[in-house]
Amino acid sequence: MNPGIAQINTTVGDFAGNTDKILHAYRELVKKGADFVVTPELAVCGYPPMDLVFRSGFIAAAERHVNALAADTGNVPLIVGTVEPNTARHGRPCRNSAVVLQNGRRVATAHKSLLPTYDVFDEGRYFEPAETVGVVEIAGHKAGITICEDLWTADYLPRDYYGRSPVDELKTAGIGLLLNLSASPFEAGKPARRRAMLGGIAKNLGVPLVYANLVGGDDQLVFDGHSLVFDRDGSVAAQLAGFREENALVTIPSPDGIAIAPDDDVRDVHEALVIGLRDYLAKCGFKQVVIGLSGGIDSAVTAALAVAALGKENVLGVTMPGPYSSRGSVDDSLALARNLGIECHTVPIGGGYEAMEKQMAGVFAGQKPDITEENLQARLRGLTLMAISNKFNRMVISTGNKSEMAVGYCTIYGDMAGGLALLSDVPKTMVYALARHINRHDEIIPHSTIEKAPSAELRADQKDQDTLPPYDVLDEILRLYVEEQLTAAEIAERGFDAEIVRWVTHKVDTNEYKRQQAAPGIKVTSKAFGIGRRVPIAQKFRA
């Protein structure tokens, strides 16, 4: 058996562009000798379409483009993911479907059975679930067709959400081949978990499994590809590339087997951020970015990722020294710019800060300096970056990390200003790991930037650890509270100082209003501040 996998990067709503990619992959794989070709989930319309499915004409456009694809098929089946109308008189307006196209027509259709509504997913809002599994004849094989979540067994989910297992139903049906069209979002560690789960399913059913996953960035989500094919004994027959498009012809059973490279979470997070940034700009119609360079680790990593994603000619750095900026921070910013080969401007904010102090002197008379003056500096920098953004049509990429966003160590309309918060799901300890990864061959990020104590430099001799726990402690508390959703008491029982835990969790809870005004970020952990975490701003629950 020789399946073909079209691991493509789609854009939501770009029906013409998506179908062109599908047709190109189909023709290429047919020439190579594919018995059938499989695309990712909702490849025709892009994933996730969200409320676009409610718009007049969206589903009709998908139907037209599926028909056009069908007209270009020959004897080799094309199994394509698309959105279809729900023709029943009840239920949601549409279905998440896989359509089998062959010899110029549709020959079979299967619908998604399990519709996730946890974390970043809200598919129950849009799609009507299938009541039975899809079993069709494909290239002489009795094949079960599933879509993404249909294969996520209860053992690999936080709980059994569905009380139903399409895998078990397909085993009873006696299939000889299992296909899965997927759009599985990336998070650190997920490719290995996914591979283990799918291998177990193939072995349990005793059939080959072909898994076609989406690749690319769509708003806050990144899809990592890593499409897979398994022999009937659960061994990996093929794994496609991560974080890039690939059209691959696979032989089952694998003649020699393949070796899977060791998993590397830091490398994968780096690649996810690069493709997430690149696609976010391209799909939003931007080509260039501007980044404030502070001499700190966060802005350095952000700039290095931007160069990897967009090329040095499309990244502009701006260093904005203020009254408390150290000479070393300015020097580090300029050294980083030289190492990356990017243009960098120095725009001091001292004059603007003095003007603001003078402007506010009457209103602030008799008041001692406090965080207000610190925020003035941050907002002057945000103002400077937004002015450059407007003048030169460059998107501002903000540089705050997840640790800062969690406890509110960020300034609304200041360092939070921007079109994308690239590191907003990257804890500070991971930022340092990314810096070491970036420097694995050469010194790109100056060693002095990595080694010095983190500081916002908004007051004299300021250090992050003046008011924050050590970042390794803070990040683990945040992981347990935000990602594992443990209570403060449960976290303290794991050996953390109870007073520190209460302080951290209180800061997380009371700074929700800031995060909901932040630019979107790229999800790389199991729980990001974004579409997968819906917490009221006005609430009194504390745990």
Protein backbone atom coordinates (compact mmCIF):
# COMPACT_ATOMS: atom_id res chain seq x y z
CA MET A 1 0.00 0.00 0.00
CA ASN A 2 1.30 3.45 -0.95
CA PRO A 3 -0.62 6.28 0.72
CA GLY A 4 0.13 9.90 -0.13
CA ILE A 5 -0.04 12.61 2.52
CA ALA A 6 -0.58 16.28 1.67
CA GLN A 7 0.78 18.04 4.77
CA ILE A 8 -0.15 21.58 3.76
CA ASN A 9 -0.32 25.04 5.34
CA THR A 10 -3.80 26.46 4.81
CA THR A 11 -5.26 29.91 5.41
CA VAL A 12 -8.75 30.27 6.85
CA GLY A 13 -11.15 31.43 4.17
CA ASP A 14 -8.64 31.25 1.32
CA PHE A 15 -10.62 28.70 -0.67
CA ALA A 16 -8.77 29.28 -3.92
CA GLY A 17 -5.32 29.17 -2.35
CA ASN A 18 -6.11 26.11 -0.24
CA THR A 19 -7.59 24.12 -3.10
CA ASP A 20 -4.64 25.02 -5.31
CA LYS A 21 -2.32 23.50 -2.70
CA ILE A 22 -4.49 20.41 -2.41
CA LEU A 23 -4.63 19.91 -6.17
CA HIS A 24 -0.87 20.46 -6.56
CA ALA A 25 -0.17 17.86 -3.85
CA TYR A 26 -2.66 15.41 -5.36
CA ARG A 27 -1.14 15.61 -8.83
CA GLU A 28 2.41 15.32 -7.47
CA LEU A 29 1.60 12.28 -5.33
CA VAL A 30 -0.41 10.56 -8.07
CA LYS A 31 2.62 10.87 -10.37
CA LYS A 32 4.75 9.27 -7.67
CA GLY A 33 2.40 6.28 -7.51
CA ALA A 34 0.07 6.99 -4.59
CA ASP A 35 -2.85 4.62 -4.10
CA PHE A 36 -4.80 7.43 -2.42
CA VAL A 37 -4.08 10.93 -1.07
CA VAL A 38 -5.14 12.33 2.33
CA THR A 39 -5.28 15.99 3.40
CA PRO A 40 -5.56 17.53 6.88
CA GLU A 41 -8.81 18.42 8.62
CA LEU A 42 -10.88 21.22 7.01
CA ALA A 43 -8.15 21.72 4.43
CA VAL A 44 -10.52 23.33 1.92
CA CYS A 45 -11.67 26.16 4.21
CA GLY A 46 -8.77 26.30 6.68
CA TYR A 47 -8.79 25.57 10.40
CA PRO A 48 -10.26 26.88 12.64
CA PRO A 49 -12.95 28.79 10.70
CA MET A 50 -14.84 29.73 13.90
CA ASP A 51 -17.82 32.06 13.34
CA LEU A 52 -17.07 32.42 9.64
CA VAL A 53 -19.21 29.30 9.18
CA PHE A 54 -22.23 31.41 10.15
CA ARG A 55 -21.60 33.91 7.35
CA SER A 56 -23.72 33.71 4.26
CA GLY A 57 -21.77 32.05 1.49
CA PHE A 58 -18.96 30.44 3.49
CA ILE A 59 -20.27 26.89 3.35
CA ALA A 60 -21.43 27.39 -0.23
CA ALA A 61 -17.91 28.48 -1.19
CA ALA A 62 -16.53 25.31 0.37
CA GLU A 63 -19.01 23.23 -1.62
CA ARG A 64 -18.03 24.89 -4.90
CA HIS A 65 -14.33 24.29 -4.32
CA VAL A 66 -14.86 20.66 -3.32
CA ASN A 67 -16.78 20.14 -6.56
CA ALA A 68 -13.92 21.75 -8.48
CA LEU A 69 -11.44 19.43 -6.79
CA ALA A 70 -13.62 16.43 -7.61
CA ALA A 71 -13.62 17.39 -11.27
CA ASP A 72 -9.82 17.12 -11.31
CA THR A 73 -9.61 13.66 -9.74
CA GLY A 74 -8.94 10.45 -11.59
CA ASN A 75 -8.89 6.85 -10.44
CA VAL A 76 -6.76 7.68 -7.38
CA PRO A 77 -9.03 8.72 -4.47
CA LEU A 78 -8.52 12.08 -2.78
CA ILE A 79 -9.75 12.26 0.82
CA VAL A 80 -10.17 15.93 1.62
CA GLY A 81 -11.26 17.77 4.76
CA THR A 82 -14.03 20.34 4.37
CA VAL A 83 -17.04 21.96 6.01
CA GLU A 84 -20.46 20.81 4.80
CA PRO A 85 -24.02 21.93 5.53
CA ASN A 86 -25.99 19.93 8.06
CA THR A 87 -29.00 18.90 6.00
CA ALA A 88 -30.95 17.58 8.98
CA ARG A 89 -33.77 19.72 10.34
CA HIS A 90 -32.13 19.99 13.75
CA GLY A 91 -28.71 20.56 15.26
CA ARG A 92 -25.78 22.79 14.40
CA PRO A 93 -25.59 24.41 10.94
CA CYS A 94 -22.74 22.38 9.51
CA ARG A 95 -20.53 19.33 9.76
CA ASN A 96 -16.78 18.81 9.89
CA SER A 97 -16.36 16.32 7.07
CA ALA A 98 -13.99 14.17 5.06
CA VAL A 99 -15.08 13.71 1.46
CA VAL A 100 -13.75 10.98 -0.82
CA LEU A 101 -13.32 12.29 -4.38
CA GLN A 102 -12.62 9.96 -7.30
CA ASN A 103 -13.11 9.92 -11.07
CA GLY A 104 -14.64 13.37 -11.15
CA ARG A 105 -17.21 12.94 -8.39
CA ARG A 106 -17.86 12.50 -4.69
CA VAL A 107 -18.01 8.83 -3.83
CA ALA A 108 -18.32 8.91 -0.02
CA THR A 109 -18.47 11.24 2.97
CA ALA A 110 -17.65 10.78 6.64
CA HIS A 111 -18.33 13.28 9.41
CA LYS A 112 -16.44 14.02 12.62
CA SER A 113 -17.88 12.21 15.62
CA LEU A 114 -16.15 13.79 18.64
CA LEU A 115 -16.33 17.58 18.83
CA PRO A 116 -13.95 19.07 21.43
CA THR A 117 -15.11 22.04 23.50
CA TYR A 118 -12.20 22.24 25.95
CA ASP A 119 -9.10 24.47 25.94
CA VAL A 120 -8.83 26.25 22.54
CA PHE A 121 -11.63 24.22 20.94
CA ASP A 122 -15.28 25.19 20.58
CA GLU A 123 -16.44 22.84 17.84
CA GLY A 124 -19.75 22.05 19.54
CA ARG A 125 -20.74 25.63 18.73
CA TYR A 126 -20.53 24.99 14.98
CA PHE A 127 -20.69 21.35 13.99
CA GLU A 128 -23.21 18.56 14.32
CA PRO A 129 -21.49 15.30 15.35
CA ALA A 130 -21.73 12.09 13.38
CA GLU A 131 -23.80 9.38 15.03
CA THR A 132 -21.90 6.56 13.33
CA VAL A 133 -18.31 6.09 12.22
CA GLY A 134 -17.36 6.39 8.57
CA VAL A 135 -16.38 3.15 6.83
CA VAL A 136 -15.75 3.30 3.09
CA GLU A 137 -13.94 1.37 0.36
CA ILE A 138 -10.68 3.08 -0.60
CA ALA A 139 -8.22 1.60 -3.10
CA GLY A 140 -9.46 -1.91 -2.36
CA HIS A 141 -9.33 -1.51 1.43
CA LYS A 142 -12.16 -1.32 3.95
CA ALA A 143 -11.12 1.96 5.52
CA GLY A 144 -12.29 3.78 8.61
CA ILE A 145 -12.21 7.56 8.16
CA THR A 146 -11.80 9.64 11.30
CA ILE A 147 -11.14 13.33 11.90
CA CYS A 148 -8.65 14.54 14.52
CA GLU A 149 -10.37 14.21 17.94
CA ASP A 150 -12.03 10.94 16.89
CA LEU A 151 -8.75 9.16 17.68
CA TRP A 152 -7.96 10.96 20.95
CA THR A 153 -8.74 8.21 23.42
CA ALA A 154 -9.76 8.91 27.02
CA ASP A 155 -6.31 7.84 28.24
CA TYR A 156 -4.76 10.87 26.50
CA LEU A 157 -7.38 13.46 27.49
CA PRO A 158 -7.91 15.21 30.84
CA ARG A 159 -11.06 13.14 31.25
CA ASP A 160 -13.51 11.07 29.20
CA TYR A 161 -15.50 13.87 27.61
CA TYR A 162 -17.60 11.81 25.25
CA GLY A 163 -18.56 8.42 26.65
CA ARG A 164 -17.93 7.05 23.19
CA SER A 165 -14.95 5.64 21.33
CA PRO A 166 -14.91 5.72 17.52
CA VAL A 167 -11.76 3.56 17.70
CA ASP A 168 -13.70 0.78 19.41
CA GLU A 169 -16.57 1.16 16.96
CA LEU A 170 -14.18 0.84 14.02
CA LYS A 171 -12.59 -2.25 15.54
CA THR A 172 -16.03 -3.85 15.72
CA ALA A 173 -16.63 -2.86 12.09
CA GLY A 174 -13.60 -4.91 11.04
CA ILE A 175 -11.70 -2.29 9.05
CA GLY A 176 -8.40 -3.03 7.31
CA LEU A 177 -7.10 0.56 7.20
CA LEU A 178 -7.52 3.63 9.42
CA LEU A 179 -7.26 7.21 8.15
CA ASN A 180 -7.24 10.38 10.24
CA LEU A 181 -7.49 13.93 8.90
CA SER A 182 -6.15 16.18 11.63
CA ALA A 183 -5.57 19.76 12.73
CA SER A 184 -3.84 19.11 16.02
CA PRO A 185 -2.42 22.29 17.60
CA PHE A 186 1.13 22.23 18.90
CA GLU A 187 2.22 22.41 22.50
CA ALA A 188 5.56 21.40 23.97
CA GLY A 189 5.73 17.62 24.37
CA LYS A 190 2.65 16.91 22.26
CA PRO A 191 4.31 15.34 19.20
CA ALA A 192 5.68 12.50 21.37
CA ARG A 193 2.32 11.94 23.14
CA ARG A 194 0.50 11.95 19.83
CA ARG A 195 2.92 9.44 18.31
CA ALA A 196 2.56 7.09 21.29
CA MET A 197 -1.24 7.26 21.19
CA LEU A 198 -1.53 6.67 17.45
CA GLY A 199 0.95 3.78 17.53
CA GLY A 200 -1.08 2.16 20.28
CA ILE A 201 -4.28 2.50 18.25
CA ALA A 202 -2.71 0.94 15.14
CA LYS A 203 -1.44 -1.97 17.22
CA ASN A 204 -4.75 -2.40 19.04
CA LEU A 205 -6.73 -2.51 15.79
CA GLY A 206 -4.05 -4.44 13.92
CA VAL A 207 -4.34 -2.20 10.87
CA PRO A 208 -2.15 0.42 9.16
CA LEU A 209 -2.89 3.98 10.25
CA VAL A 210 -2.39 7.09 8.09
CA TYR A 211 -2.45 10.38 9.99
CA ALA A 212 -2.35 13.66 8.00
CA ASN A 213 -1.80 16.69 10.21
CA LEU A 214 -2.05 20.38 9.36
CA VAL A 215 1.04 22.58 9.47
CA GLY A 216 1.38 26.35 9.93
CA GLY A 217 0.20 29.20 12.11
CA ASP A 218 -3.37 30.45 12.38
CA ASP A 219 -3.77 33.36 14.81
CA GLN A 220 -2.81 32.04 18.27
CA LEU A 221 -2.42 28.42 17.19
CA VAL A 222 0.46 26.62 15.51
CA PHE A 223 0.06 23.25 13.82
CA ASP A 224 3.27 21.29 13.75
CA GLY A 225 2.73 18.77 10.97
CA HIS A 226 4.67 15.64 11.96
CA SER A 227 2.16 13.56 9.99
CA LEU A 228 2.58 9.86 10.65
CA VAL A 229 2.05 6.44 9.10
CA PHE A 230 2.05 3.25 11.19
CA ASP A 231 2.32 -0.41 10.27
CA ARG A 232 -0.31 -2.74 11.64
CA ASP A 233 1.99 -3.67 14.55
CA GLY A 234 2.13 -0.05 15.72
CA SER A 235 5.64 0.66 14.46
CA VAL A 236 6.28 3.98 12.68
CA ALA A 237 6.48 3.53 8.92
CA ALA A 238 6.97 7.25 8.23
CA GLN A 239 7.02 10.61 9.96
CA LEU A 240 6.81 13.79 7.92
CA ALA A 241 8.69 16.96 8.72
CA GLY A 242 7.78 19.22 11.59
CA PHE A 243 6.76 22.85 11.02
CA ARG A 244 6.93 22.82 7.23
CA GLU A 245 4.86 21.66 4.29
CA GLU A 246 5.61 18.27 2.78
CA ASN A 247 3.92 16.00 0.27
CA ALA A 248 5.06 12.47 0.97
CA LEU A 249 4.52 9.06 -0.61
CA VAL A 250 4.82 6.24 1.94
CA THR A 251 5.13 2.50 1.60
CA ILE A 252 3.28 0.20 4.04
CA PRO A 253 4.67 -1.98 5.44
CA SER A 254 7.87 0.03 5.71
CA PRO A 255 10.65 -1.99 4.05
CA ASP A 256 13.31 -1.02 6.59
CA GLY A 257 11.47 0.86 9.31
CA ILE A 258 12.54 4.34 10.36
CA ALA A 259 14.35 5.84 13.30
CA ILE A 260 12.60 8.68 15.11
CA ALA A 261 14.93 11.52 16.10
CA PRO A 262 14.97 12.35 19.81
CA ASP A 263 12.27 14.79 20.84
CA ASP A 264 13.48 18.26 21.80
CA ASP A 265 10.92 20.60 23.37
CA VAL A 266 13.13 23.70 23.17
CA ARG A 267 13.84 23.15 19.47
CA ASP A 268 10.14 22.56 18.81
CA VAL A 269 9.07 25.69 20.71
CA HIS A 270 11.62 27.68 18.71
CA GLU A 271 10.25 26.32 15.43
CA ALA A 272 6.65 26.88 16.54
CA LEU A 273 7.33 30.54 17.36
CA VAL A 274 9.15 31.08 14.07
CA ILE A 275 6.39 29.65 11.89
CA GLY A 276 3.71 31.21 14.07
CA LEU A 277 5.20 34.68 13.60
CA ARG A 278 5.87 34.19 9.90
CA ASP A 279 2.35 33.01 9.15
CA TYR A 280 0.66 35.57 11.40
CA LEU A 281 2.28 38.40 9.45
CA ALA A 282 1.82 36.85 6.02
CA LYS A 283 -1.83 35.93 6.60
CA CYS A 284 -2.58 39.39 8.04
CA GLY A 285 -0.90 41.19 5.14
CA PHE A 286 2.25 42.47 6.88
CA LYS A 287 5.84 41.94 5.78
CA GLN A 288 7.98 43.82 8.31
CA VAL A 289 8.20 44.28 12.07
CA VAL A 290 9.66 46.69 14.60
CA ILE A 291 10.90 45.56 18.01
CA GLY A 292 11.98 47.55 21.03
CA LEU A 293 15.44 46.39 22.12
CA SER A 294 16.07 46.87 25.84
CA GLY A 295 19.30 44.93 26.18
CA GLY A 296 17.35 42.25 28.05
CA ILE A 297 16.84 38.59 27.31
CA ASP A 298 13.20 38.85 26.18
CA SER A 299 13.71 41.45 23.47
CA ALA A 300 16.88 39.68 22.33
CA VAL A 301 15.11 36.34 21.89
CA THR A 302 12.15 38.06 20.19
CA ALA A 303 14.45 39.78 17.69
CA ALA A 304 16.35 36.56 16.94
CA LEU A 305 13.08 34.70 16.34
CA ALA A 306 11.86 37.50 14.07
CA VAL A 307 15.02 37.33 11.96
CA ALA A 308 14.65 33.54 11.68
CA ALA A 309 11.02 33.97 10.61
CA LEU A 310 11.21 37.00 8.33
CA GLY A 311 14.83 37.65 7.36
CA LYS A 312 17.07 40.39 8.74
CA GLU A 313 15.96 42.91 6.13
CA ASN A 314 12.42 42.85 7.52
CA VAL A 315 13.26 43.41 11.19
CA LEU A 316 13.91 46.86 12.64
CA GLY A 317 15.25 47.29 16.16
CA VAL A 318 14.78 50.41 18.27
CA THR A 319 16.66 51.04 21.49
CA MET A 320 15.05 53.71 23.64
CA PRO A 321 17.31 54.65 26.55
CA GLY A 322 15.63 56.42 29.43
CA PRO A 323 16.80 58.05 32.65
CA TYR A 324 17.62 54.71 34.30
CA SER A 325 18.95 52.75 31.32
CA SER A 326 22.45 51.41 31.86
CA ARG A 327 25.19 51.89 29.28
CA GLY A 328 25.54 48.12 29.20
CA SER A 329 21.92 47.65 28.14
CA VAL A 330 22.31 50.07 25.24
CA ASP A 331 25.57 48.42 24.21
CA ASP A 332 23.98 44.97 24.40
CA SER A 333 21.11 46.12 22.18
CA LEU A 334 23.48 47.48 19.57
CA ALA A 335 25.66 44.35 19.74
CA LEU A 336 22.58 42.17 19.23
CA ALA A 337 21.57 44.23 16.21
CA ARG A 338 25.06 43.84 14.71
CA ASN A 339 25.05 40.08 15.34
CA LEU A 340 21.64 39.72 13.70
CA GLY A 341 22.49 42.11 10.88
CA ILE A 342 19.39 44.23 11.45
CA GLU A 343 18.95 47.96 11.22
CA CYS A 344 18.69 49.60 14.66
CA HIS A 345 17.77 53.13 15.66
CA THR A 346 18.45 54.80 18.98
CA VAL A 347 15.58 57.03 20.10
CA PRO A 348 16.13 58.38 23.63
CA ILE A 349 12.98 58.96 25.68
CA GLY A 350 14.64 61.25 28.27
CA GLY A 351 13.32 64.43 26.69
CA GLY A 352 9.80 63.08 26.45
CA TYR A 353 9.95 61.88 30.04
CA GLU A 354 11.07 65.29 31.28
CA ALA A 355 8.26 66.91 29.30
CA MET A 356 5.71 64.56 30.85
CA GLU A 357 7.04 65.24 34.35
CA LYS A 358 6.67 68.96 33.71
CA GLN A 359 3.21 68.50 32.20
CA MET A 360 1.97 66.50 35.20
CA ALA A 361 3.75 68.57 37.88
CA GLY A 362 0.62 70.46 38.90
CA VAL A 363 -1.60 67.40 39.08
CA PHE A 364 1.04 65.36 40.94
CA ALA A 365 2.07 68.15 43.34
CA GLY A 366 2.89 66.75 46.78
CA GLN A 367 2.95 63.13 45.53
CA LYS A 368 6.01 60.92 45.83
CA PRO A 369 7.35 59.17 42.71
CA ASP A 370 6.05 55.61 42.39
CA ILE A 371 5.06 53.11 39.72
CA THR A 372 3.33 55.95 37.85
CA GLU A 373 6.66 57.37 36.75
CA GLU A 374 7.89 53.89 35.81
CA ASN A 375 4.84 53.37 33.63
CA LEU A 376 5.34 56.75 31.96
CA GLN A 377 8.65 55.50 30.63
CA ALA A 378 7.14 52.24 29.37
CA ARG A 379 4.33 54.14 27.67
CA LEU A 380 6.70 56.55 26.00
CA ARG A 381 8.49 53.55 24.53
CA GLY A 382 5.18 52.08 23.39
CA LEU A 383 4.27 55.42 21.81
CA THR A 384 7.61 55.54 20.00
CA LEU A 385 7.21 52.04 18.59
CA MET A 386 3.63 52.66 17.48
CA ALA A 387 4.70 55.86 15.71
CA ILE A 388 7.32 53.91 13.76
CA SER A 389 4.74 51.20 13.07
CA ASN A 390 2.31 53.74 11.60
CA LYS A 391 4.93 55.59 9.59
CA PHE A 392 6.58 52.56 8.01
CA ASN A 393 3.76 49.97 8.08
CA ARG A 394 5.71 47.66 10.39
CA MET A 395 3.88 45.55 12.94
CA VAL A 396 5.11 46.02 16.52
CA ILE A 397 6.07 42.73 18.13
CA SER A 398 5.86 43.06 21.90
CA THR A 399 8.42 41.21 23.98
CA GLY A 400 6.82 40.33 27.34
CA ASN A 401 7.02 36.70 28.51
CA LYS A 402 4.39 34.50 30.17
CA SER A 403 5.83 34.92 33.66
CA GLU A 404 5.46 38.70 33.46
CA MET A 405 2.02 38.53 31.86
CA ALA A 406 0.85 36.15 34.57
CA VAL A 407 1.63 38.40 37.52
CA GLY A 408 0.99 41.74 35.81
CA TYR A 409 4.60 42.89 35.46
CA CYS A 410 3.75 44.64 32.22
CA THR A 411 2.36 48.05 31.32
CA ILE A 412 -0.87 48.51 29.40
CA TYR A 413 -0.25 50.83 26.43
CA GLY A 414 3.46 50.53 27.15
CA ASP A 415 5.48 47.34 26.73
CA MET A 416 2.20 45.52 26.01
CA ALA A 417 1.63 47.61 22.86
CA GLY A 418 1.86 45.65 19.64
CA GLY A 419 0.17 43.47 17.07
CA LEU A 420 1.55 40.17 18.37
CA ALA A 421 2.89 39.19 21.79
CA LEU A 422 5.32 36.56 20.57
CA LEU A 423 6.58 35.30 23.96
CA SER A 424 3.34 35.62 25.92
CA ASP A 425 3.08 31.83 26.36
CA VAL A 426 6.82 31.34 26.98
CA PRO A 427 7.83 31.24 30.67
CA LYS A 428 10.99 33.14 31.61
CA THR A 429 12.96 29.93 32.20
CA MET A 430 12.06 28.79 28.69
CA VAL A 431 13.15 32.18 27.32
CA TYR A 432 16.64 31.48 28.68
CA ALA A 433 16.54 27.97 27.17
CA LEU A 434 15.61 29.49 23.80
CA ALA A 435 18.51 31.94 24.09
CA ARG A 436 20.94 29.08 24.61
CA HIS A 437 19.38 27.24 21.65
CA ILE A 438 19.77 30.34 19.46
CA ASN A 439 23.42 30.57 20.53
CA ARG A 440 24.13 26.86 20.01
CA HIS A 441 26.49 27.55 17.10
CA ASP A 442 27.52 31.19 17.44
CA GLU A 443 27.08 34.08 19.86
CA ILE A 444 23.99 35.78 18.49
CA ILE A 445 22.57 37.00 21.78
CA PRO A 446 25.40 38.66 23.74
CA HIS A 447 26.54 36.55 26.69
CA SER A 448 26.23 39.62 28.90
CA THR A 449 22.51 39.76 28.08
CA ILE A 450 22.05 36.16 29.19
CA GLU A 451 24.19 36.43 32.30
CA LYS A 452 23.03 39.73 33.84
CA ALA A 453 20.19 39.92 36.34
CA PRO A 454 16.86 40.75 34.65
CA SER A 455 15.65 44.32 35.14
CA ALA A 456 13.05 46.63 33.66
CA GLU A 457 15.40 49.57 34.38
CA LEU A 458 12.54 51.91 35.26
CA ARG A 459 14.07 53.06 38.56
CA ALA A 460 17.52 53.16 40.08
CA ASP A 461 19.19 49.77 40.69
CA GLN A 462 15.97 47.90 39.86
CA LYS A 463 16.06 44.08 39.60
CA ASP A 464 13.18 41.72 38.86
CA GLN A 465 14.00 39.63 41.91
CA ASP A 466 13.49 42.67 44.17
CA THR A 467 9.78 41.92 44.05
CA LEU A 468 9.46 38.54 42.28
CA PRO A 469 10.41 35.05 43.45
CA PRO A 470 13.29 33.41 41.56
CA TYR A 471 12.03 32.58 38.08
CA ASP A 472 12.46 28.82 38.45
CA VAL A 473 10.18 28.96 41.50
CA LEU A 474 7.74 31.42 39.94
CA ASP A 475 7.43 29.45 36.71
CA GLU A 476 6.71 26.18 38.46
CA ILE A 477 4.05 27.79 40.66
CA LEU A 478 2.51 29.35 37.56
CA ARG A 479 2.57 26.02 35.72
CA LEU A 480 0.75 24.31 38.56
CA TYR A 481 -1.80 27.13 38.93
CA VAL A 482 -2.46 28.07 35.29
CA GLU A 483 -1.82 24.83 33.42
CA GLU A 484 -2.59 22.18 36.06
CA GLN A 485 -5.24 24.41 37.73
CA LEU A 486 -4.31 23.41 41.27
CA THR A 487 -5.36 25.51 44.24
CA ALA A 488 -2.89 27.59 46.23
CA ALA A 489 -3.11 25.09 49.09
CA GLU A 490 -2.41 22.15 46.77
CA ILE A 491 0.62 23.94 45.35
CA ALA A 492 1.96 24.75 48.82
CA GLU A 493 1.61 21.06 49.73
CA ARG A 494 4.21 20.34 47.04
CA GLY A 495 6.85 22.14 49.06
CA PHE A 496 6.46 25.79 48.03
CA ASP A 497 6.30 28.61 50.56
CA ALA A 498 2.59 29.18 51.21
CA GLU A 499 2.92 32.97 51.42
CA ILE A 500 4.75 33.14 48.08
CA VAL A 501 2.15 30.88 46.49
CA ARG A 502 -0.71 33.07 47.74
CA TRP A 503 1.05 36.18 46.44
CA VAL A 504 1.59 34.64 42.99
CA THR A 505 -1.94 33.27 42.62
CA HIS A 506 -3.42 36.58 43.80
CA LYS A 507 -1.38 38.43 41.17
CA VAL A 508 -2.58 36.04 38.46
CA ASP A 509 -6.21 36.52 39.44
CA THR A 510 -6.15 40.30 39.75
CA ASN A 511 -4.31 40.96 36.48
CA GLU A 512 -6.79 39.30 34.17
CA TYR A 513 -7.93 42.74 33.00
CA LYS A 514 -4.47 43.42 31.60
CA ARG A 515 -4.20 40.14 29.74
CA GLN A 516 -7.55 40.57 28.06
CA GLN A 517 -6.26 43.84 26.56
CA ALA A 518 -3.00 42.28 25.36
CA ALA A 519 -2.05 41.48 21.80
CA PRO A 520 -2.65 37.84 20.79
CA GLY A 521 0.21 35.43 21.39
CA ILE A 522 1.41 32.07 20.09
CA LYS A 523 0.33 29.05 22.13
CA VAL A 524 3.19 26.68 22.99
CA THR A 525 2.19 25.30 26.42
CA SER A 526 -0.80 23.27 27.50
CA LYS A 527 -2.64 26.37 28.74
CA ALA A 528 -1.95 29.80 27.28
CA PHE A 529 -3.44 33.17 28.22
CA GLY A 530 -5.76 33.48 25.26
CA ILE A 531 -8.66 31.73 23.57
CA GLY A 532 -8.18 28.56 25.62
CA ARG A 533 -8.46 30.27 29.02
CA ARG A 534 -11.73 32.09 29.58
CA VAL A 535 -11.72 33.70 33.03
CA PRO A 536 -14.01 36.55 34.12
CA ILE A 537 -12.31 39.85 34.89
CA ALA A 538 -14.84 40.85 37.55
CA GLN A 539 -14.88 37.91 39.95
CA LYS A 540 -14.08 37.15 43.60
CA PHE A 541 -13.26 33.43 43.58
CA ARG A 542 -9.90 32.66 45.17
CA ALA A 543 -8.53 29.17 45.68
